[in-house]
Amino acid sequence: MTTLLITKPCPYCERIQKVAVPESGFKAWKSGTRIQDALPGLTADEREILLSGVCPKCWDEVFGEVDA
């Protein structure tokens, strides 16, 4: 299985965020599969980085913590 390392700068703090993902899941997501179905092994924070680039610290500062 091939793993991709995705890097994105956080739009708020500009720190580079890195997420390792299986290539097959990444391709499935990019082809229209919901991210939680395509990449079920990722945390919610990792999925958010892929979607918006926002790091967990900035997410909490900007949007507040989410109660699970």
Protein backbone atom coordinates (compact mmCIF):
# COMPACT_ATOMS: atom_id res chain seq x y z
CA MET A 1 0.00 0.00 0.00
CA THR A 2 1.33 3.41 -0.98
CA THR A 3 1.12 6.22 1.55
CA LEU A 4 0.99 9.88 0.57
CA LEU A 5 2.21 12.70 2.81
CA ILE A 6 -0.11 15.67 2.33
CA THR A 7 1.18 19.05 3.52
CA LYS A 8 -0.91 22.20 3.87
CA PRO A 9 -0.31 25.51 5.62
CA CYS A 10 -2.89 26.47 8.22
CA PRO A 11 -4.72 29.54 6.86
CA TYR A 12 -4.62 31.19 10.31
CA CYS A 13 -1.16 30.50 11.77
CA GLU A 14 0.56 29.42 8.54
CA ARG A 15 2.25 26.45 10.26
CA ILE A 16 2.67 23.54 7.87
CA GLN A 17 0.36 20.63 8.70
CA LYS A 18 1.25 17.10 7.55
CA VAL A 19 -1.09 14.14 7.22
CA ALA A 20 -0.09 10.67 5.97
CA VAL A 21 -2.90 8.98 4.04
CA PRO A 22 -3.26 5.78 2.03
CA GLU A 23 -3.18 6.62 -1.67
CA SER A 24 -6.27 4.52 -2.42
CA GLY A 25 -8.34 6.34 0.21
CA PHE A 26 -7.09 9.73 -0.93
CA LYS A 27 -8.04 8.96 -4.53
CA ALA A 28 -11.47 7.71 -3.41
CA TRP A 29 -12.07 10.95 -1.49
CA LYS A 30 -10.97 13.09 -4.41
CA SER A 31 -13.32 11.08 -6.65
CA GLY A 32 -16.33 11.92 -4.51
CA THR A 33 -16.42 9.46 -1.63
CA ARG A 34 -17.14 11.15 1.70
CA ILE A 35 -13.86 11.76 3.52
CA GLN A 36 -14.92 9.79 6.61
CA ASP A 37 -15.74 6.80 4.40
CA ALA A 38 -12.65 7.07 2.18
CA LEU A 39 -10.21 7.66 5.06
CA PRO A 40 -11.75 6.04 8.16
CA GLY A 41 -8.37 5.62 9.87
CA LEU A 42 -7.81 9.37 10.17
CA THR A 43 -8.82 11.42 13.19
CA ALA A 44 -11.36 14.22 12.86
CA ASP A 45 -8.47 16.71 13.20
CA GLU A 46 -6.55 15.05 10.37
CA ARG A 47 -9.62 15.06 8.12
CA GLU A 48 -10.18 18.76 8.87
CA ILE A 49 -6.61 19.54 7.88
CA LEU A 50 -7.23 17.86 4.53
CA LEU A 51 -10.54 19.66 4.05
CA SER A 52 -9.69 23.19 5.17
CA GLY A 53 -6.06 23.20 6.28
CA VAL A 54 -7.03 24.55 9.71
CA CYS A 55 -4.84 23.06 12.47
CA PRO A 56 -6.48 21.82 15.69
CA LYS A 57 -5.12 24.70 17.81
CA CYS A 58 -6.45 27.37 15.46
CA TRP A 59 -9.76 25.51 15.07
CA ASP A 60 -10.29 25.72 18.84
CA GLU A 61 -9.25 29.39 18.96
CA VAL A 62 -11.41 30.46 16.01
CA PHE A 63 -14.46 28.19 16.30
CA GLY A 64 -14.30 26.96 19.91
CA GLU A 65 -13.97 23.40 21.10
CA VAL A 66 -16.62 20.95 19.96
CA ASP A 67 -18.23 18.77 22.61
CA ALA A 68 -18.24 15.14 21.50
